[in-house]
PDB file of all heavy atoms in Angstrom:
ATOM      1  N   ALA A   1     -10.550  -1.710  -7.819  1.00  0.00           N
ATOM      2  CA  ALA A   1      -9.827  -2.923  -8.192  1.00  0.00           C
ATOM      3  C   ALA A   1      -8.994  -3.378  -7.005  1.00  0.00           C
ATOM      4  O   ALA A   1      -8.390  -2.554  -6.303  1.00  0.00           O
ATOM      5  CB  ALA A   1      -8.934  -2.672  -9.407  1.00  0.00           C
ATOM      6  N   ILE A   2      -8.946  -4.695  -6.789  1.00  0.00           N
ATOM      7  CA  ILE A   2      -8.176  -5.262  -5.679  1.00  0.00           C
ATOM      8  C   ILE A   2      -7.300  -6.378  -6.232  1.00  0.00           C
ATOM      9  O   ILE A   2      -7.804  -7.443  -6.602  1.00  0.00           O
ATOM     10  CB  ILE A   2      -9.088  -5.810  -4.567  1.00  0.00           C
ATOM     11  CG1 ILE A   2     -10.032  -4.720  -4.055  1.00  0.00           C
ATOM     12  CG2 ILE A   2      -8.259  -6.382  -3.421  1.00  0.00           C
ATOM     13  CD1 ILE A   2     -11.064  -5.205  -3.054  1.00  0.00           C
ATOM     14  N   PRO A   3      -5.991  -6.170  -6.326  1.00  0.00           N
ATOM     15  CA  PRO A   3      -5.098  -7.249  -6.754  1.00  0.00           C
ATOM     16  C   PRO A   3      -4.636  -8.076  -5.556  1.00  0.00           C
ATOM     17  O   PRO A   3      -4.270  -7.524  -4.522  1.00  0.00           O
ATOM     18  CB  PRO A   3      -3.932  -6.500  -7.393  1.00  0.00           C
ATOM     19  CG  PRO A   3      -3.897  -5.173  -6.692  1.00  0.00           C
ATOM     20  CD  PRO A   3      -5.291  -4.882  -6.232  1.00  0.00           C
ATOM     21  N   ARG A   4      -4.645  -9.400  -5.703  1.00  0.00           N
ATOM     22  CA  ARG A   4      -4.117 -10.301  -4.678  1.00  0.00           C
ATOM     23  C   ARG A   4      -3.109 -11.225  -5.333  1.00  0.00           C
ATOM     24  O   ARG A   4      -3.450 -11.982  -6.244  1.00  0.00           O
ATOM     25  CB  ARG A   4      -5.230 -11.148  -4.040  1.00  0.00           C
ATOM     26  CG  ARG A   4      -6.037 -10.417  -3.013  1.00  0.00           C
ATOM     27  CD  ARG A   4      -7.014 -11.337  -2.292  1.00  0.00           C
ATOM     28  NE  ARG A   4      -6.346 -12.339  -1.476  1.00  0.00           N
ATOM     29  CZ  ARG A   4      -6.985 -13.115  -0.596  1.00  0.00           C
ATOM     30  NH1 ARG A   4      -8.296 -13.009  -0.436  1.00  0.00           N
ATOM     31  NH2 ARG A   4      -6.321 -14.007   0.117  1.00  0.00           N
ATOM     32  N   GLY A   5      -1.867 -11.127  -4.898  1.00  0.00           N
ATOM     33  CA  GLY A   5      -0.833 -11.974  -5.480  1.00  0.00           C
ATOM     34  C   GLY A   5       0.537 -11.404  -5.194  1.00  0.00           C
ATOM     35  O   GLY A   5       0.737 -10.665  -4.225  1.00  0.00           O
ATOM     36  N   GLY A   6       1.487 -11.717  -6.058  1.00  0.00           N
ATOM     37  CA  GLY A   6       2.853 -11.266  -5.872  1.00  0.00           C
ATOM     38  C   GLY A   6       3.010  -9.777  -6.129  1.00  0.00           C
ATOM     39  O   GLY A   6       2.144  -9.122  -6.723  1.00  0.00           O
ATOM     40  N   GLU A   7       4.160  -9.260  -5.690  1.00  0.00           N
ATOM     41  CA  GLU A   7       4.416  -7.826  -5.817  1.00  0.00           C
ATOM     42  C   GLU A   7       4.381  -7.366  -7.273  1.00  0.00           C
ATOM     43  O   GLU A   7       3.896  -6.278  -7.581  1.00  0.00           O
ATOM     44  CB  GLU A   7       5.770  -7.485  -5.192  1.00  0.00           C
ATOM     45  CG  GLU A   7       6.077  -6.006  -5.182  1.00  0.00           C
ATOM     46  CD  GLU A   7       7.386  -5.675  -4.490  1.00  0.00           C
ATOM     47  OE1 GLU A   7       8.044  -6.603  -3.979  1.00  0.00           O
ATOM     48  OE2 GLU A   7       7.742  -4.482  -4.463  1.00  0.00           O
ATOM     49  N   SER A   8       4.859  -8.196  -8.191  1.00  0.00           N
ATOM     50  CA  SER A   8       4.884  -7.799  -9.599  1.00  0.00           C
ATOM     51  C   SER A   8       3.477  -7.615 -10.147  1.00  0.00           C
ATOM     52  O   SER A   8       3.215  -6.673 -10.904  1.00  0.00           O
ATOM     53  CB  SER A   8       5.649  -8.832 -10.432  1.00  0.00           C
ATOM     54  OG  SER A   8       5.016 -10.099 -10.360  1.00  0.00           O
ATOM     55  N   LEU A   9       2.548  -8.508  -9.773  1.00  0.00           N
ATOM     56  CA  LEU A   9       1.157  -8.368 -10.206  1.00  0.00           C
ATOM     57  C   LEU A   9       0.546  -7.092  -9.650  1.00  0.00           C
ATOM     58  O   LEU A   9      -0.099  -6.316 -10.373  1.00  0.00           O
ATOM     59  CB  LEU A   9       0.334  -9.576  -9.752  1.00  0.00           C
ATOM     60  CG  LEU A   9      -1.182  -9.418  -9.926  1.00  0.00           C
ATOM     61  CD1 LEU A   9      -1.555  -9.432 -11.397  1.00  0.00           C
ATOM     62  CD2 LEU A   9      -1.944 -10.509  -9.168  1.00  0.00           C
ATOM     63  N   ILE A  10       0.763  -6.850  -8.366  1.00  0.00           N
ATOM     64  CA  ILE A  10       0.149  -5.691  -7.716  1.00  0.00           C
ATOM     65  C   ILE A  10       0.671  -4.393  -8.328  1.00  0.00           C
ATOM     66  O   ILE A  10      -0.090  -3.453  -8.596  1.00  0.00           O
ATOM     67  CB  ILE A  10       0.391  -5.744  -6.194  1.00  0.00           C
ATOM     68  CG1 ILE A  10      -0.323  -6.973  -5.606  1.00  0.00           C
ATOM     69  CG2 ILE A  10      -0.098  -4.467  -5.519  1.00  0.00           C
ATOM     70  CD1 ILE A  10       0.063  -7.302  -4.191  1.00  0.00           C
ATOM     71  N   ARG A  11       1.967  -4.334  -8.577  1.00  0.00           N
ATOM     72  CA  ARG A  11       2.528  -3.124  -9.191  1.00  0.00           C
ATOM     73  C   ARG A  11       2.003  -2.933 -10.612  1.00  0.00           C
ATOM     74  O   ARG A  11       1.717  -1.810 -11.032  1.00  0.00           O
ATOM     75  CB  ARG A  11       4.057  -3.192  -9.188  1.00  0.00           C
ATOM     76  CG  ARG A  11       4.657  -3.014  -7.802  1.00  0.00           C
ATOM     77  CD  ARG A  11       6.121  -2.647  -7.831  1.00  0.00           C
ATOM     78  NE  ARG A  11       6.640  -2.490  -6.486  1.00  0.00           N
ATOM     79  CZ  ARG A  11       6.503  -1.385  -5.762  1.00  0.00           C
ATOM     80  NH1 ARG A  11       5.876  -0.343  -6.273  1.00  0.00           N
ATOM     81  NH2 ARG A  11       7.003  -1.327  -4.543  1.00  0.00           N
ATOM     82  N   ALA A  12       1.871  -4.016 -11.349  1.00  0.00           N
ATOM     83  CA  ALA A  12       1.356  -3.912 -12.716  1.00  0.00           C
ATOM     84  C   ALA A  12      -0.069  -3.372 -12.715  1.00  0.00           C
ATOM     85  O   ALA A  12      -0.419  -2.506 -13.530  1.00  0.00           O
ATOM     86  CB  ALA A  12       1.411  -5.276 -13.398  1.00  0.00           C
ATOM     87  N   VAL A  13      -0.895  -3.859 -11.801  1.00  0.00           N
ATOM     88  CA  VAL A  13      -2.280  -3.376 -11.706  1.00  0.00           C
ATOM     89  C   VAL A  13      -2.313  -1.902 -11.305  1.00  0.00           C
ATOM     90  O   VAL A  13      -3.011  -1.087 -11.912  1.00  0.00           O
ATOM     91  CB  VAL A  13      -3.073  -4.233 -10.698  1.00  0.00           C
ATOM     92  CG1 VAL A  13      -4.421  -3.581 -10.373  1.00  0.00           C
ATOM     93  CG2 VAL A  13      -3.285  -5.641 -11.249  1.00  0.00           C
ATOM     94  N   ALA A  14      -1.531  -1.553 -10.287  1.00  0.00           N
ATOM     95  CA  ALA A  14      -1.526  -0.169  -9.808  1.00  0.00           C
ATOM     96  C   ALA A  14      -1.043   0.812 -10.876  1.00  0.00           C
ATOM     97  O   ALA A  14      -1.556   1.922 -11.000  1.00  0.00           O
ATOM     98  CB  ALA A  14      -0.659  -0.053  -8.556  1.00  0.00           C
ATOM     99  N   GLU A  15      -0.051   0.387 -11.660  1.00  0.00           N
ATOM    100  CA  GLU A  15       0.523   1.280 -12.664  1.00  0.00           C
ATOM    101  C   GLU A  15      -0.380   1.465 -13.878  1.00  0.00           C
ATOM    102  O   GLU A  15      -0.372   2.514 -14.517  1.00  0.00           O
ATOM    103  CB  GLU A  15       1.885   0.732 -13.112  1.00  0.00           C
ATOM    104  CG  GLU A  15       2.972   0.878 -12.042  1.00  0.00           C
ATOM    105  CD  GLU A  15       4.210   0.059 -12.339  1.00  0.00           C
ATOM    106  OE1 GLU A  15       4.255  -0.564 -13.437  1.00  0.00           O
ATOM    107  OE2 GLU A  15       5.127   0.038 -11.490  1.00  0.00           O
ATOM    108  N   ARG A  16      -1.198   0.464 -14.198  1.00  0.00           N
ATOM    109  CA  ARG A  16      -2.018   0.532 -15.400  1.00  0.00           C
ATOM    110  C   ARG A  16      -3.442   1.015 -15.134  1.00  0.00           C
ATOM    111  O   ARG A  16      -4.165   1.356 -16.069  1.00  0.00           O
ATOM    112  CB  ARG A  16      -2.074  -0.842 -16.069  1.00  0.00           C
ATOM    113  CG  ARG A  16      -0.746  -1.293 -16.685  1.00  0.00           C
ATOM    114  CD  ARG A  16      -0.850  -2.733 -17.151  1.00  0.00           C
ATOM    115  NE  ARG A  16       0.401  -3.206 -17.721  1.00  0.00           N
ATOM    116  CZ  ARG A  16       0.621  -3.345 -19.025  1.00  0.00           C
ATOM    117  NH1 ARG A  16      -0.316  -3.014 -19.896  1.00  0.00           N
ATOM    118  NH2 ARG A  16       1.778  -3.804 -19.456  1.00  0.00           N
ATOM    119  N   ALA A  17      -3.861   1.021 -13.886  1.00  0.00           N
ATOM    120  CA  ALA A  17      -5.267   1.295 -13.571  1.00  0.00           C
ATOM    121  C   ALA A  17      -5.616   2.780 -13.649  1.00  0.00           C
ATOM    122  O   ALA A  17      -4.832   3.636 -13.255  1.00  0.00           O
ATOM    123  CB  ALA A  17      -5.601   0.766 -12.176  1.00  0.00           C
ATOM    124  N   ARG A  18      -6.829   3.034 -14.148  1.00  0.00           N
ATOM    125  CA  ARG A  18      -7.422   4.370 -14.063  1.00  0.00           C
ATOM    126  C   ARG A  18      -8.572   4.374 -13.068  1.00  0.00           C
ATOM    127  O   ARG A  18      -9.280   5.376 -12.944  1.00  0.00           O
ATOM    128  CB  ARG A  18      -7.907   4.808 -15.447  1.00  0.00           C
ATOM    129  CG  ARG A  18      -6.765   5.002 -16.448  1.00  0.00           C
ATOM    130  CD  ARG A  18      -7.262   5.447 -17.800  1.00  0.00           C
ATOM    131  NE  ARG A  18      -7.898   6.764 -17.730  1.00  0.00           N
ATOM    132  CZ  ARG A  18      -8.457   7.371 -18.775  1.00  0.00           C
ATOM    133  NH1 ARG A  18      -8.460   6.765 -19.960  1.00  0.00           N
ATOM    134  NH2 ARG A  18      -9.008   8.550 -18.647  1.00  0.00           N
ATOM    135  N   VAL A  19      -8.765   3.263 -12.400  1.00  0.00           N
ATOM    136  CA  VAL A  19      -9.777   3.151 -11.348  1.00  0.00           C
ATOM    137  C   VAL A  19      -9.041   3.031 -10.016  1.00  0.00           C
ATOM    138  O   VAL A  19      -7.861   2.685  -9.983  1.00  0.00           O
ATOM    139  CB  VAL A  19     -10.686   1.926 -11.583  1.00  0.00           C
ATOM    140  CG1 VAL A  19     -11.380   2.028 -12.937  1.00  0.00           C
ATOM    141  CG2 VAL A  19      -9.897   0.622 -11.483  1.00  0.00           C
ATOM    142  N   PRO A  20      -9.718   3.313  -8.899  1.00  0.00           N
ATOM    143  CA  PRO A  20      -9.061   3.173  -7.593  1.00  0.00           C
ATOM    144  C   PRO A  20      -8.588   1.742  -7.352  1.00  0.00           C
ATOM    145  O   PRO A  20      -9.270   0.781  -7.711  1.00  0.00           O
ATOM    146  CB  PRO A  20     -10.162   3.564  -6.598  1.00  0.00           C
ATOM    147  CG  PRO A  20     -11.118   4.399  -7.388  1.00  0.00           C
ATOM    148  CD  PRO A  20     -11.085   3.848  -8.777  1.00  0.00           C
ATOM    149  N   VAL A  21      -7.405   1.610  -6.743  1.00  0.00           N
ATOM    150  CA  VAL A  21      -6.823   0.301  -6.453  1.00  0.00           C
ATOM    151  C   VAL A  21      -6.516   0.216  -4.965  1.00  0.00           C
ATOM    152  O   VAL A  21      -5.892   1.125  -4.399  1.00  0.00           O
ATOM    153  CB  VAL A  21      -5.525   0.060  -7.258  1.00  0.00           C
ATOM    154  CG1 VAL A  21      -4.913  -1.288  -6.903  1.00  0.00           C
ATOM    155  CG2 VAL A  21      -5.806   0.136  -8.757  1.00  0.00           C
ATOM    156  N   ILE A  22      -6.957  -0.849  -4.325  1.00  0.00           N
ATOM    157  CA  ILE A  22      -6.597  -1.120  -2.929  1.00  0.00           C
ATOM    158  C   ILE A  22      -5.555  -2.228  -2.953  1.00  0.00           C
ATOM    159  O   ILE A  22      -5.789  -3.289  -3.523  1.00  0.00           O
ATOM    160  CB  ILE A  22      -7.820  -1.531  -2.099  1.00  0.00           C
ATOM    161  CG1 ILE A  22      -8.836  -0.382  -2.053  1.00  0.00           C
ATOM    162  CG2 ILE A  22      -7.403  -1.926  -0.686  1.00  0.00           C
ATOM    163  CD1 ILE A  22     -10.129  -0.729  -1.349  1.00  0.00           C
ATOM    164  N   LYS A  23      -4.397  -1.992  -2.317  1.00  0.00           N
ATOM    165  CA  LYS A  23      -3.263  -2.884  -2.562  1.00  0.00           C
ATOM    166  C   LYS A  23      -2.361  -3.022  -1.339  1.00  0.00           C
ATOM    167  O   LYS A  23      -2.425  -2.229  -0.407  1.00  0.00           O
ATOM    168  CB  LYS A  23      -2.438  -2.336  -3.719  1.00  0.00           C
ATOM    169  CG  LYS A  23      -1.925  -0.922  -3.476  1.00  0.00           C
ATOM    170  CD  LYS A  23      -1.386  -0.273  -4.732  1.00  0.00           C
ATOM    171  CE  LYS A  23      -0.925   1.153  -4.475  1.00  0.00           C
ATOM    172  NZ  LYS A  23      -2.023   2.039  -4.068  1.00  0.00           N
ATOM    173  N   HIS A  24      -1.545  -4.053  -1.372  1.00  0.00           N
ATOM    174  CA  HIS A  24      -0.326  -4.090  -0.560  1.00  0.00           C
ATOM    175  C   HIS A  24       0.740  -4.787  -1.396  1.00  0.00           C
ATOM    176  O   HIS A  24       0.490  -5.803  -2.033  1.00  0.00           O
ATOM    177  CB  HIS A  24      -0.555  -4.780   0.790  1.00  0.00           C
ATOM    178  CG  HIS A  24      -0.361  -6.261   0.791  1.00  0.00           C
ATOM    179  ND1 HIS A  24      -1.401  -7.153   0.595  1.00  0.00           N
ATOM    180  CD2 HIS A  24       0.754  -7.005   0.957  1.00  0.00           C
ATOM    181  CE1 HIS A  24      -0.925  -8.380   0.649  1.00  0.00           C
ATOM    182  NE2 HIS A  24       0.371  -8.329   0.871  1.00  0.00           N
ATOM    183  N   TYR A  25       1.915  -4.181  -1.414  1.00  0.00           N
ATOM    184  CA  TYR A  25       2.966  -4.702  -2.264  1.00  0.00           C
ATOM    185  C   TYR A  25       3.643  -5.929  -1.676  1.00  0.00           C
ATOM    186  O   TYR A  25       3.901  -6.904  -2.348  1.00  0.00           O
ATOM    187  CB  TYR A  25       4.003  -3.610  -2.550  1.00  0.00           C
ATOM    188  CG  TYR A  25       3.468  -2.533  -3.454  1.00  0.00           C
ATOM    189  CD1 TYR A  25       3.410  -1.208  -3.031  1.00  0.00           C
ATOM    190  CD2 TYR A  25       3.007  -2.828  -4.724  1.00  0.00           C
ATOM    191  CE1 TYR A  25       2.929  -0.215  -3.862  1.00  0.00           C
ATOM    192  CE2 TYR A  25       2.510  -1.837  -5.553  1.00  0.00           C
ATOM    193  CZ  TYR A  25       2.473  -0.532  -5.124  1.00  0.00           C
ATOM    194  OH  TYR A  25       1.985   0.435  -5.942  1.00  0.00           O
ATOM    195  N   LYS A  26       3.979  -5.889  -0.405  1.00  0.00           N
ATOM    196  CA  LYS A  26       4.630  -7.038   0.203  1.00  0.00           C
ATOM    197  C   LYS A  26       4.500  -6.956   1.714  1.00  0.00           C
ATOM    198  O   LYS A  26       4.104  -5.925   2.267  1.00  0.00           O
ATOM    199  CB  LYS A  26       6.103  -7.116  -0.200  1.00  0.00           C
ATOM    200  CG  LYS A  26       6.951  -5.900   0.140  1.00  0.00           C
ATOM    201  CD  LYS A  26       8.369  -6.095  -0.392  1.00  0.00           C
ATOM    202  CE  LYS A  26       9.247  -4.882  -0.096  1.00  0.00           C
ATOM    203  NZ  LYS A  26      10.623  -5.080  -0.585  1.00  0.00           N
ATOM    204  N   GLY A  27       4.835  -8.068   2.366  1.00  0.00           N
ATOM    205  CA  GLY A  27       4.731  -8.129   3.816  1.00  0.00           C
ATOM    206  C   GLY A  27       6.086  -8.333   4.460  1.00  0.00           C
ATOM    207  O   GLY A  27       6.488  -9.474   4.690  1.00  0.00           O
ATOM    208  N   VAL A  28       6.797  -7.244   4.718  1.00  0.00           N
ATOM    209  CA  VAL A  28       8.038  -7.341   5.488  1.00  0.00           C
ATOM    210  C   VAL A  28       7.663  -7.084   6.943  1.00  0.00           C
ATOM    211  O   VAL A  28       7.646  -5.945   7.412  1.00  0.00           O
ATOM    212  CB  VAL A  28       9.104  -6.344   4.995  1.00  0.00           C
ATOM    213  CG1 VAL A  28      10.380  -6.488   5.819  1.00  0.00           C
ATOM    214  CG2 VAL A  28       9.408  -6.572   3.528  1.00  0.00           C
ATOM    215  N   CYS A  29       7.320  -8.150   7.647  1.00  0.00           N
ATOM    216  CA  CYS A  29       6.834  -8.056   9.024  1.00  0.00           C
ATOM    217  C   CYS A  29       7.998  -8.175  10.002  1.00  0.00           C
ATOM    218  O   CYS A  29       8.968  -8.900   9.753  1.00  0.00           O
ATOM    219  CB  CYS A  29       5.808  -9.148   9.291  1.00  0.00           C
ATOM    220  SG  CYS A  29       4.405  -9.123   8.144  1.00  0.00           S
ATOM    221  N   ASN A  30       7.893  -7.459  11.110  1.00  0.00           N
ATOM    222  CA  ASN A  30       8.963  -7.386  12.110  1.00  0.00           C
ATOM    223  C   ASN A  30       8.446  -7.782  13.484  1.00  0.00           C
ATOM    224  O   ASN A  30       7.295  -7.465  13.833  1.00  0.00           O
ATOM    225  CB  ASN A  30       9.498  -5.948  12.196  1.00  0.00           C
ATOM    226  CG  ASN A  30      10.021  -5.437  10.873  1.00  0.00           C
ATOM    227  OD1 ASN A  30      11.190  -5.562  10.555  1.00  0.00           O
ATOM    228  ND2 ASN A  30       9.143  -4.830  10.073  1.00  0.00           N
ATOM    229  N   ILE A  31       9.312  -8.423  14.266  1.00  0.00           N
ATOM    230  CA  ILE A  31       9.023  -8.667  15.684  1.00  0.00           C
ATOM    231  C   ILE A  31      10.180  -8.107  16.495  1.00  0.00           C
ATOM    232  O   ILE A  31      11.348  -8.454  16.258  1.00  0.00           O
ATOM    233  CB  ILE A  31       8.845 -10.161  15.992  1.00  0.00           C
ATOM    234  CG1 ILE A  31       7.602 -10.710  15.284  1.00  0.00           C
ATOM    235  CG2 ILE A  31       8.729 -10.382  17.503  1.00  0.00           C
ATOM    236  CD1 ILE A  31       7.373 -12.198  15.495  1.00  0.00           C
ATOM    237  N   TYR A  32       9.843  -7.230  17.439  1.00  0.00           N
ATOM    238  CA  TYR A  32      10.837  -6.661  18.350  1.00  0.00           C
ATOM    239  C   TYR A  32      10.702  -7.333  19.712  1.00  0.00           C
ATOM    240  O   TYR A  32       9.639  -7.292  20.344  1.00  0.00           O
ATOM    241  CB  TYR A  32      10.637  -5.151  18.491  1.00  0.00           C
ATOM    242  CG  TYR A  32      11.430  -4.530  19.623  1.00  0.00           C
ATOM    243  CD1 TYR A  32      12.814  -4.670  19.707  1.00  0.00           C
ATOM    244  CD2 TYR A  32      10.782  -3.790  20.628  1.00  0.00           C
ATOM    245  CE1 TYR A  32      13.539  -4.108  20.747  1.00  0.00           C
ATOM    246  CE2 TYR A  32      11.500  -3.210  21.670  1.00  0.00           C
ATOM    247  CZ  TYR A  32      12.878  -3.377  21.724  1.00  0.00           C
ATOM    248  OH  TYR A  32      13.596  -2.805  22.758  1.00  0.00           O
ATOM    249  N   VAL A  33      11.790  -7.971  20.172  1.00  0.00           N
ATOM    250  CA  VAL A  33      11.815  -8.589  21.500  1.00  0.00           C
ATOM    251  C   VAL A  33      12.495  -7.611  22.443  1.00  0.00           C
ATOM    252  O   VAL A  33      13.707  -7.360  22.366  1.00  0.00           O
ATOM    253  CB  VAL A  33      12.548  -9.943  21.475  1.00  0.00           C
ATOM    254  CG1 VAL A  33      12.521 -10.575  22.861  1.00  0.00           C
ATOM    255  CG2 VAL A  33      11.890 -10.874  20.456  1.00  0.00           C
ATOM    256  N   ASP A  34      11.716  -7.050  23.339  1.00  0.00           N
ATOM    257  CA  ASP A  34      12.160  -5.994  24.251  1.00  0.00           C
ATOM    258  C   ASP A  34      12.955  -6.587  25.419  1.00  0.00           C
ATOM    259  O   ASP A  34      12.863  -7.784  25.714  1.00  0.00           O
ATOM    260  CB  ASP A  34      10.910  -5.256  24.757  1.00  0.00           C
ATOM    261  CG  ASP A  34      11.233  -4.104  25.674  1.00  0.00           C
ATOM    262  OD1 ASP A  34      12.036  -3.242  25.268  1.00  0.00           O
ATOM    263  OD2 ASP A  34      10.685  -4.065  26.792  1.00  0.00           O
ATOM    264  N   ASP A  35      13.710  -5.722  26.099  1.00  0.00           N
ATOM    265  CA  ASP A  35      14.482  -6.202  27.256  1.00  0.00           C
ATOM    266  C   ASP A  35      13.579  -6.567  28.425  1.00  0.00           C
ATOM    267  O   ASP A  35      14.034  -7.202  29.378  1.00  0.00           O
ATOM    268  CB  ASP A  35      15.528  -5.162  27.685  1.00  0.00           C
ATOM    269  CG  ASP A  35      14.916  -3.844  28.096  1.00  0.00           C
ATOM    270  OD1 ASP A  35      14.102  -3.295  27.313  1.00  0.00           O
ATOM    271  OD2 ASP A  35      15.227  -3.341  29.193  1.00  0.00           O
ATOM    272  N   GLU A  36      12.290  -6.167  28.383  1.00  0.00           N
ATOM    273  CA  GLU A  36      11.349  -6.555  29.432  1.00  0.00           C
ATOM    274  C   GLU A  36      10.336  -7.569  28.901  1.00  0.00           C
ATOM    275  O   GLU A  36       9.201  -7.635  29.375  1.00  0.00           O
ATOM    276  CB  GLU A  36      10.649  -5.319  29.984  1.00  0.00           C
ATOM    277  CG  GLU A  36      11.613  -4.351  30.677  1.00  0.00           C
ATOM    278  CD  GLU A  36      10.910  -3.155  31.286  1.00  0.00           C
ATOM    279  OE1 GLU A  36      10.237  -3.333  32.332  1.00  0.00           O
ATOM    280  OE2 GLU A  36      11.027  -2.048  30.730  1.00  0.00           O
ATOM    281  N   ALA A  37      10.764  -8.369  27.939  1.00  0.00           N
ATOM    282  CA  ALA A  37       9.890  -9.399  27.372  1.00  0.00           C
ATOM    283  C   ALA A  37       9.854 -10.630  28.258  1.00  0.00           C
ATOM    284  O   ALA A  37      10.817 -10.938  28.973  1.00  0.00           O
ATOM    285  CB  ALA A  37      10.378  -9.780  25.985  1.00  0.00           C
TER     286      ALA A  37
END
């Protein structure tokens, strides 16, 4: 099973499933600007 949508949908699918689930809960992406950038 593959849920695509908000975090609440993905968690609901993952918690109720008895089949394998491929998921990502959310995208907290980071950018690091280095001193040698």
